[in-house]
Amino acid sequence: MAKLILTQEVTGLGTAGDVVEVKNGYARNYLLPRGFALTWTKGGEKQVESIKAARSAREHASLEDAQRQAAALQAKPVKLTVKAGESGRLFGTVKAEDVAKAVEAAGLGAIDKRKVELPAHIKSVGSYQANVRLHEDVAAVIDLDVVAS
């Protein structure tokens, strides 16, 4: 098991500044190369404190913004126009990046594609829901209307 300090929020693992233990392969092949984590050292404790201090400073300012944006996202559905066949089956699938771009195009503010969680693959036209983690304490459920172009 590898002991790491997270530098960013990782779904299902923790937030920036958390010290976690993960399997060596997950650390070596995913977290470390992508910059999501640093190896833990005794000197790394200072880094943990600075990361947590920076995160808490950002959170105080962004909590109210996140709550406002969550209310706006839940107030109106987001329309996604995608290529589809006559039967309503999509050419490809709707990804989190597509949802993030549609939210921004709808004028509801910019969201990070890594914060969007789709419950299942969207492969046909219709109405769906997606979760968006705007803040550690704030999550919004977006109504998606997938229509053929």
N, C-alpha and C. Protein backbone atom coordinates (compact mmCIF):
# COMPACT_ATOMS: atom_id res chain seq x y z
N MET A 1 0.84 -1.18 0.00
CA MET A 1 0.00 0.00 0.00
C MET A 1 0.89 1.25 0.00
N ALA A 2 0.49 2.21 -0.82
CA ALA A 2 1.24 3.47 -0.93
C ALA A 2 0.51 4.55 -0.15
N LYS A 3 1.24 5.36 0.56
CA LYS A 3 0.67 6.46 1.33
C LYS A 3 0.90 7.74 0.54
N LEU A 4 -0.20 8.45 0.21
CA LEU A 4 -0.14 9.62 -0.66
C LEU A 4 -0.84 10.81 -0.04
N ILE A 5 -0.48 11.99 -0.53
CA ILE A 5 -1.16 13.24 -0.19
C ILE A 5 -1.90 13.68 -1.44
N LEU A 6 -3.22 13.81 -1.38
CA LEU A 6 -3.99 14.23 -2.54
C LEU A 6 -3.80 15.73 -2.78
N THR A 7 -3.60 16.10 -4.04
CA THR A 7 -3.47 17.51 -4.40
C THR A 7 -4.75 18.05 -5.02
N GLN A 8 -5.65 17.15 -5.41
CA GLN A 8 -6.93 17.53 -5.98
C GLN A 8 -7.99 16.58 -5.43
N GLU A 9 -9.25 16.93 -5.63
CA GLU A 9 -10.32 16.05 -5.22
C GLU A 9 -10.38 14.87 -6.18
N VAL A 10 -10.46 13.67 -5.62
CA VAL A 10 -10.58 12.45 -6.41
C VAL A 10 -11.85 11.75 -5.95
N THR A 11 -12.77 11.51 -6.86
CA THR A 11 -14.05 10.91 -6.53
C THR A 11 -13.85 9.55 -5.87
N GLY A 12 -14.50 9.36 -4.73
CA GLY A 12 -14.43 8.10 -4.02
C GLY A 12 -13.18 7.91 -3.18
N LEU A 13 -12.29 8.90 -3.18
CA LEU A 13 -11.04 8.75 -2.44
C LEU A 13 -10.86 9.85 -1.40
N GLY A 14 -11.03 11.10 -1.79
CA GLY A 14 -10.87 12.19 -0.84
C GLY A 14 -10.69 13.52 -1.53
N THR A 15 -10.42 14.54 -0.73
CA THR A 15 -10.24 15.89 -1.26
C THR A 15 -8.79 16.32 -1.10
N ALA A 16 -8.46 17.46 -1.64
CA ALA A 16 -7.09 17.97 -1.60
C ALA A 16 -6.63 18.11 -0.15
N GLY A 17 -5.42 17.61 0.11
CA GLY A 17 -4.86 17.69 1.45
C GLY A 17 -5.06 16.44 2.28
N ASP A 18 -5.89 15.52 1.83
CA ASP A 18 -6.11 14.29 2.58
C ASP A 18 -4.93 13.35 2.39
N VAL A 19 -4.58 12.64 3.44
CA VAL A 19 -3.55 11.60 3.37
C VAL A 19 -4.29 10.27 3.24
N VAL A 20 -4.02 9.55 2.14
CA VAL A 20 -4.74 8.30 1.88
C VAL A 20 -3.75 7.18 1.61
N GLU A 21 -4.21 5.96 1.82
CA GLU A 21 -3.43 4.78 1.46
C GLU A 21 -4.16 4.06 0.34
N VAL A 22 -3.46 3.85 -0.76
CA VAL A 22 -4.04 3.16 -1.92
C VAL A 22 -3.08 2.07 -2.37
N LYS A 23 -3.56 1.21 -3.24
CA LYS A 23 -2.71 0.16 -3.77
C LYS A 23 -1.62 0.78 -4.64
N ASN A 24 -0.48 0.11 -4.69
CA ASN A 24 0.68 0.65 -5.40
C ASN A 24 0.40 0.92 -6.88
N GLY A 25 -0.30 0.02 -7.55
CA GLY A 25 -0.58 0.20 -8.97
C GLY A 25 -1.45 1.41 -9.23
N TYR A 26 -2.45 1.64 -8.40
CA TYR A 26 -3.34 2.79 -8.55
C TYR A 26 -2.54 4.08 -8.37
N ALA A 27 -1.65 4.08 -7.40
CA ALA A 27 -0.81 5.26 -7.16
C ALA A 27 0.16 5.48 -8.32
N ARG A 28 0.86 4.44 -8.71
CA ARG A 28 1.92 4.54 -9.71
C ARG A 28 1.36 4.82 -11.11
N ASN A 29 0.23 4.22 -11.46
CA ASN A 29 -0.27 4.30 -12.82
C ASN A 29 -1.32 5.38 -13.05
N TYR A 30 -1.97 5.85 -11.99
CA TYR A 30 -3.06 6.81 -12.18
C TYR A 30 -2.84 8.12 -11.40
N LEU A 31 -2.76 8.03 -10.10
CA LEU A 31 -2.74 9.24 -9.28
C LEU A 31 -1.48 10.07 -9.45
N LEU A 32 -0.32 9.45 -9.40
CA LEU A 32 0.93 10.21 -9.50
C LEU A 32 1.18 10.78 -10.89
N PRO A 33 1.02 10.04 -11.98
CA PRO A 33 1.28 10.62 -13.31
C PRO A 33 0.34 11.77 -13.67
N ARG A 34 -0.88 11.74 -13.18
CA ARG A 34 -1.85 12.79 -13.51
C ARG A 34 -1.76 13.98 -12.56
N GLY A 35 -0.90 13.89 -11.56
CA GLY A 35 -0.72 15.00 -10.63
C GLY A 35 -1.82 15.12 -9.59
N PHE A 36 -2.58 14.04 -9.39
CA PHE A 36 -3.64 14.07 -8.40
C PHE A 36 -3.11 13.87 -6.98
N ALA A 37 -1.86 13.39 -6.87
CA ALA A 37 -1.32 13.10 -5.55
C ALA A 37 0.21 13.22 -5.56
N LEU A 38 0.75 13.35 -4.34
CA LEU A 38 2.19 13.35 -4.12
C LEU A 38 2.49 12.23 -3.12
N THR A 39 3.70 11.67 -3.19
CA THR A 39 4.06 10.66 -2.21
C THR A 39 4.18 11.30 -0.84
N TRP A 40 3.78 10.58 0.17
CA TRP A 40 3.81 11.10 1.53
C TRP A 40 5.21 10.97 2.10
N THR A 41 5.67 12.05 2.72
CA THR A 41 6.94 12.05 3.44
C THR A 41 6.71 12.80 4.75
N LYS A 42 7.68 12.73 5.63
CA LYS A 42 7.55 13.46 6.90
C LYS A 42 7.51 14.96 6.62
N GLY A 43 8.27 15.42 5.65
CA GLY A 43 8.24 16.83 5.27
C GLY A 43 6.95 17.20 4.55
N GLY A 44 6.25 16.18 4.07
CA GLY A 44 5.00 16.41 3.36
C GLY A 44 3.88 16.91 4.26
N GLU A 45 4.04 16.75 5.56
CA GLU A 45 3.03 17.25 6.49
C GLU A 45 2.84 18.76 6.35
N LYS A 46 3.93 19.48 6.07
CA LYS A 46 3.83 20.93 5.84
C LYS A 46 3.02 21.21 4.59
N GLN A 47 3.21 20.38 3.56
CA GLN A 47 2.44 20.53 2.34
C GLN A 47 0.96 20.29 2.61
N VAL A 48 0.65 19.30 3.43
CA VAL A 48 -0.73 18.99 3.76
C VAL A 48 -1.39 20.20 4.41
N GLU A 49 -0.69 20.81 5.36
CA GLU A 49 -1.24 21.97 6.05
C GLU A 49 -1.46 23.14 5.09
N SER A 50 -0.52 23.37 4.18
CA SER A 50 -0.68 24.48 3.23
C SER A 50 -1.80 24.20 2.24
N ILE A 51 -1.93 22.96 1.80
CA ILE A 51 -3.01 22.59 0.87
C ILE A 51 -4.36 22.77 1.56
N LYS A 52 -4.46 22.31 2.81
CA LYS A 52 -5.72 22.45 3.55
C LYS A 52 -6.06 23.90 3.82
N ALA A 53 -5.05 24.72 4.12
CA ALA A 53 -5.30 26.15 4.37
C ALA A 53 -5.79 26.83 3.09
N ALA A 54 -5.18 26.51 1.97
CA ALA A 54 -5.61 27.10 0.69
C ALA A 54 -7.02 26.63 0.34
N ARG A 55 -7.30 25.35 0.59
CA ARG A 55 -8.63 24.82 0.29
C ARG A 55 -9.70 25.48 1.16
N SER A 56 -9.41 25.67 2.44
CA SER A 56 -10.41 26.28 3.32
C SER A 56 -10.65 27.74 2.96
N ALA A 57 -9.60 28.44 2.51
CA ALA A 57 -9.78 29.83 2.08
C ALA A 57 -10.66 29.89 0.83
N ARG A 58 -10.45 28.96 -0.10
CA ARG A 58 -11.27 28.92 -1.31
C ARG A 58 -12.71 28.53 -0.99
N GLU A 59 -12.87 27.60 -0.04
CA GLU A 59 -14.21 27.10 0.28
C GLU A 59 -15.09 28.18 0.89
N HIS A 60 -14.54 29.00 1.77
CA HIS A 60 -15.36 30.04 2.39
C HIS A 60 -15.90 30.99 1.33
N ALA A 61 -15.09 31.30 0.36
CA ALA A 61 -15.53 32.22 -0.69
C ALA A 61 -16.45 31.52 -1.67
N SER A 62 -16.21 30.24 -1.93
CA SER A 62 -16.96 29.59 -2.99
C SER A 62 -18.21 28.87 -2.51
N LEU A 63 -18.42 28.70 -1.23
CA LEU A 63 -19.60 27.99 -0.74
C LEU A 63 -20.87 28.71 -1.16
N GLU A 64 -20.92 30.01 -0.95
CA GLU A 64 -22.11 30.78 -1.32
C GLU A 64 -22.29 30.77 -2.84
N ASP A 65 -21.19 30.90 -3.59
CA ASP A 65 -21.27 30.85 -5.04
C ASP A 65 -21.78 29.49 -5.51
N ALA A 66 -21.30 28.43 -4.87
CA ALA A 66 -21.72 27.08 -5.24
C ALA A 66 -23.21 26.88 -4.97
N GLN A 67 -23.70 27.42 -3.86
CA GLN A 67 -25.12 27.29 -3.55
C GLN A 67 -25.98 28.05 -4.56
N ARG A 68 -25.51 29.24 -4.96
CA ARG A 68 -26.24 30.01 -5.98
C ARG A 68 -26.26 29.28 -7.31
N GLN A 69 -25.09 28.74 -7.69
CA GLN A 69 -25.02 28.04 -8.97
C GLN A 69 -25.86 26.76 -8.93
N ALA A 70 -25.90 26.07 -7.81
CA ALA A 70 -26.71 24.86 -7.68
C ALA A 70 -28.19 25.19 -7.85
N ALA A 71 -28.63 26.28 -7.27
CA ALA A 71 -30.03 26.69 -7.43
C ALA A 71 -30.34 27.00 -8.88
N ALA A 72 -29.41 27.67 -9.56
CA ALA A 72 -29.62 28.00 -10.98
C ALA A 72 -29.64 26.75 -11.84
N LEU A 73 -28.76 25.79 -11.55
CA LEU A 73 -28.70 24.56 -12.34
C LEU A 73 -29.96 23.72 -12.17
N GLN A 74 -30.51 23.71 -10.97
CA GLN A 74 -31.69 22.90 -10.72
C GLN A 74 -32.97 23.57 -11.20
N ALA A 75 -32.91 24.87 -11.45
CA ALA A 75 -34.11 25.62 -11.82
C ALA A 75 -34.58 25.32 -13.25
N LYS A 76 -33.62 25.14 -14.18
CA LYS A 76 -34.07 24.92 -15.55
C LYS A 76 -33.29 23.78 -16.19
N PRO A 77 -33.96 22.99 -17.04
CA PRO A 77 -33.27 21.86 -17.68
C PRO A 77 -32.26 22.33 -18.72
N VAL A 78 -31.24 21.52 -18.94
CA VAL A 78 -30.20 21.81 -19.91
C VAL A 78 -30.47 20.98 -21.16
N LYS A 79 -30.44 21.65 -22.30
CA LYS A 79 -30.73 20.97 -23.57
C LYS A 79 -29.42 20.59 -24.25
N LEU A 80 -29.27 19.32 -24.57
CA LEU A 80 -28.11 18.81 -25.28
C LEU A 80 -28.56 18.37 -26.68
N THR A 81 -27.98 18.98 -27.70
CA THR A 81 -28.30 18.60 -29.07
C THR A 81 -27.16 17.73 -29.59
N VAL A 82 -27.50 16.50 -29.97
CA VAL A 82 -26.49 15.54 -30.42
C VAL A 82 -26.96 14.85 -31.70
N LYS A 83 -26.01 14.26 -32.41
CA LYS A 83 -26.35 13.51 -33.62
C LYS A 83 -26.98 12.19 -33.23
N ALA A 84 -28.09 11.87 -33.87
CA ALA A 84 -28.79 10.62 -33.57
C ALA A 84 -29.42 10.07 -34.84
N GLY A 85 -29.67 8.78 -34.84
CA GLY A 85 -30.34 8.12 -35.96
C GLY A 85 -31.84 8.33 -35.87
N GLU A 86 -32.54 7.78 -36.84
CA GLU A 86 -34.00 7.95 -36.88
C GLU A 86 -34.69 7.27 -35.70
N SER A 87 -34.08 6.22 -35.18
CA SER A 87 -34.70 5.50 -34.06
C SER A 87 -34.45 6.18 -32.72
N GLY A 88 -33.67 7.27 -32.72
CA GLY A 88 -33.38 7.99 -31.48
C GLY A 88 -32.11 7.52 -30.80
N ARG A 89 -31.42 6.59 -31.42
CA ARG A 89 -30.15 6.11 -30.86
C ARG A 89 -29.03 7.06 -31.27
N LEU A 90 -28.18 7.44 -30.30
CA LEU A 90 -27.12 8.40 -30.55
C LEU A 90 -25.96 7.77 -31.29
N PHE A 91 -25.25 8.60 -32.05
CA PHE A 91 -23.98 8.19 -32.65
C PHE A 91 -22.91 8.49 -31.61
N GLY A 92 -22.61 7.53 -30.79
CA GLY A 92 -21.68 7.74 -29.69
C GLY A 92 -22.45 7.81 -28.38
N THR A 93 -21.92 8.55 -27.44
CA THR A 93 -22.56 8.68 -26.12
C THR A 93 -22.35 10.10 -25.60
N VAL A 94 -23.18 10.51 -24.69
CA VAL A 94 -23.03 11.82 -24.06
C VAL A 94 -22.02 11.68 -22.92
N LYS A 95 -21.01 12.52 -22.93
CA LYS A 95 -19.96 12.47 -21.91
C LYS A 95 -20.12 13.64 -20.94
N ALA A 96 -19.39 13.58 -19.86
CA ALA A 96 -19.42 14.65 -18.86
C ALA A 96 -18.97 15.97 -19.48
N GLU A 97 -18.02 15.92 -20.40
CA GLU A 97 -17.55 17.12 -21.08
C GLU A 97 -18.68 17.77 -21.88
N ASP A 98 -19.52 16.95 -22.54
CA ASP A 98 -20.65 17.47 -23.30
C ASP A 98 -21.65 18.18 -22.38
N VAL A 99 -21.87 17.60 -21.21
CA VAL A 99 -22.79 18.21 -20.25
C VAL A 99 -22.24 19.54 -19.77
N ALA A 100 -20.94 19.59 -19.46
CA ALA A 100 -20.32 20.83 -18.99
C ALA A 100 -20.41 21.93 -20.04
N LYS A 101 -20.18 21.58 -21.31
CA LYS A 101 -20.28 22.57 -22.38
C LYS A 101 -21.71 23.04 -22.57
N ALA A 102 -22.68 22.15 -22.44
CA ALA A 102 -24.09 22.52 -22.59
C ALA A 102 -24.54 23.45 -21.47
N VAL A 103 -24.06 23.21 -20.26
CA VAL A 103 -24.39 24.06 -19.11
C VAL A 103 -23.86 25.47 -19.36
N GLU A 104 -22.62 25.54 -19.84
CA GLU A 104 -22.02 26.85 -20.11
C GLU A 104 -22.74 27.55 -21.25
N ALA A 105 -23.13 26.80 -22.28
CA ALA A 105 -23.85 27.38 -23.42
C ALA A 105 -25.23 27.87 -23.02
N ALA A 106 -25.83 27.23 -22.01
CA ALA A 106 -27.15 27.64 -21.54
C ALA A 106 -27.08 28.88 -20.65
N GLY A 107 -25.87 29.35 -20.37
CA GLY A 107 -25.71 30.55 -19.55
C GLY A 107 -25.84 30.31 -18.07
N LEU A 108 -25.59 29.07 -17.63
CA LEU A 108 -25.72 28.74 -16.22
C LEU A 108 -24.38 28.72 -15.50
N GLY A 109 -23.34 29.22 -16.14
CA GLY A 109 -22.03 29.27 -15.52
C GLY A 109 -21.17 28.10 -15.97
N ALA A 110 -19.88 28.24 -15.76
CA ALA A 110 -18.93 27.21 -16.15
C ALA A 110 -18.77 26.19 -15.02
N ILE A 111 -18.76 24.92 -15.39
CA ILE A 111 -18.50 23.86 -14.43
C ILE A 111 -17.39 22.97 -14.99
N ASP A 112 -16.66 22.36 -14.11
CA ASP A 112 -15.56 21.49 -14.50
C ASP A 112 -16.14 20.13 -14.89
N LYS A 113 -15.68 19.58 -16.00
CA LYS A 113 -16.21 18.29 -16.47
C LYS A 113 -15.93 17.17 -15.48
N ARG A 114 -14.89 17.32 -14.66
CA ARG A 114 -14.58 16.28 -13.67
C ARG A 114 -15.56 16.28 -12.51
N LYS A 115 -16.35 17.34 -12.39
CA LYS A 115 -17.33 17.43 -11.31
C LYS A 115 -18.67 16.85 -11.70
N VAL A 116 -18.84 16.52 -12.99
CA VAL A 116 -20.10 15.98 -13.50
C VAL A 116 -20.09 14.46 -13.36
N GLU A 117 -21.13 13.92 -12.77
CA GLU A 117 -21.26 12.47 -12.62
C GLU A 117 -22.53 12.01 -13.32
N LEU A 118 -22.34 11.23 -14.38
CA LEU A 118 -23.48 10.67 -15.10
C LEU A 118 -23.78 9.29 -14.50
N PRO A 119 -25.04 9.03 -14.14
CA PRO A 119 -25.36 7.75 -13.49
C PRO A 119 -25.19 6.55 -14.42
N ALA A 120 -25.38 6.75 -15.72
CA ALA A 120 -25.23 5.66 -16.69
C ALA A 120 -24.87 6.28 -18.04
N HIS A 121 -24.47 5.43 -18.97
CA HIS A 121 -24.17 5.92 -20.31
C HIS A 121 -25.45 6.41 -20.97
N ILE A 122 -25.39 7.58 -21.58
CA ILE A 122 -26.55 8.13 -22.28
C ILE A 122 -26.35 7.83 -23.75
N LYS A 123 -27.18 6.91 -24.29
CA LYS A 123 -27.00 6.46 -25.66
C LYS A 123 -28.24 6.65 -26.52
N SER A 124 -29.27 7.31 -25.98
CA SER A 124 -30.47 7.58 -26.77
C SER A 124 -31.08 8.91 -26.33
N VAL A 125 -31.92 9.48 -27.20
CA VAL A 125 -32.55 10.75 -26.87
C VAL A 125 -33.56 10.54 -25.75
N GLY A 126 -33.81 11.61 -24.98
CA GLY A 126 -34.75 11.53 -23.88
C GLY A 126 -34.34 12.45 -22.75
N SER A 127 -34.96 12.26 -21.59
CA SER A 127 -34.67 13.07 -20.41
C SER A 127 -33.85 12.25 -19.43
N TYR A 128 -32.82 12.86 -18.90
CA TYR A 128 -31.92 12.21 -17.96
C TYR A 128 -31.58 13.17 -16.84
N GLN A 129 -30.91 12.65 -15.82
CA GLN A 129 -30.42 13.48 -14.73
C GLN A 129 -28.95 13.21 -14.52
N ALA A 130 -28.21 14.26 -14.15
CA ALA A 130 -26.79 14.14 -13.85
C ALA A 130 -26.51 14.86 -12.55
N ASN A 131 -25.55 14.37 -11.80
CA ASN A 131 -25.14 15.00 -10.55
C ASN A 131 -23.90 15.86 -10.81
N VAL A 132 -23.86 17.03 -10.17
CA VAL A 132 -22.71 17.91 -10.28
C VAL A 132 -22.27 18.26 -8.87
N ARG A 133 -21.00 17.95 -8.55
CA ARG A 133 -20.44 18.29 -7.24
C ARG A 133 -19.77 19.65 -7.37
N LEU A 134 -20.45 20.69 -6.96
CA LEU A 134 -19.93 22.04 -7.08
C LEU A 134 -18.99 22.40 -5.93
N HIS A 135 -19.17 21.75 -4.82
CA HIS A 135 -18.41 22.03 -3.61
C HIS A 135 -18.46 20.77 -2.76
N GLU A 136 -17.63 20.70 -1.77
CA GLU A 136 -17.63 19.51 -0.90
C GLU A 136 -18.99 19.30 -0.25
N ASP A 137 -19.67 20.38 0.08
CA ASP A 137 -20.97 20.29 0.75
C ASP A 137 -22.15 20.58 -0.17
N VAL A 138 -21.91 20.92 -1.43
CA VAL A 138 -22.98 21.32 -2.33
C VAL A 138 -22.95 20.46 -3.59
N ALA A 139 -24.08 19.81 -3.85
CA ALA A 139 -24.23 19.04 -5.08
C ALA A 139 -25.56 19.43 -5.71
N ALA A 140 -25.60 19.40 -7.03
CA ALA A 140 -26.82 19.75 -7.74
C ALA A 140 -27.20 18.61 -8.67
N VAL A 141 -28.49 18.45 -8.89
CA VAL A 141 -28.99 17.47 -9.85
C VAL A 141 -29.50 18.25 -11.05
N ILE A 142 -28.91 17.98 -12.20
CA ILE A 142 -29.28 18.69 -13.44
C ILE A 142 -30.22 17.81 -14.24
N ASP A 143 -31.29 18.41 -14.77
CA ASP A 143 -32.17 17.72 -15.70
C ASP A 143 -31.63 17.94 -17.09
N LEU A 144 -31.36 16.85 -17.81
CA LEU A 144 -30.82 16.93 -19.17
C LEU A 144 -31.89 16.51 -20.17
N ASP A 145 -32.08 17.31 -21.19
CA ASP A 145 -32.95 16.94 -22.30
C ASP A 145 -32.07 16.68 -23.49
N VAL A 146 -31.91 15.42 -23.86
CA VAL A 146 -31.08 15.03 -25.00
C VAL A 146 -31.98 14.96 -26.21
N VAL A 147 -31.69 15.80 -27.21
CA VAL A 147 -32.51 15.85 -28.43
C VAL A 147 -31.61 15.63 -29.65
N ALA A 148 -32.21 15.10 -30.71
CA ALA A 148 -31.46 14.85 -31.94
C ALA A 148 -31.29 16.15 -32.72
N SER A 149 -30.14 16.28 -33.38
CA SER A 149 -29.90 17.48 -34.17
C SER A 149 -30.44 17.33 -35.57
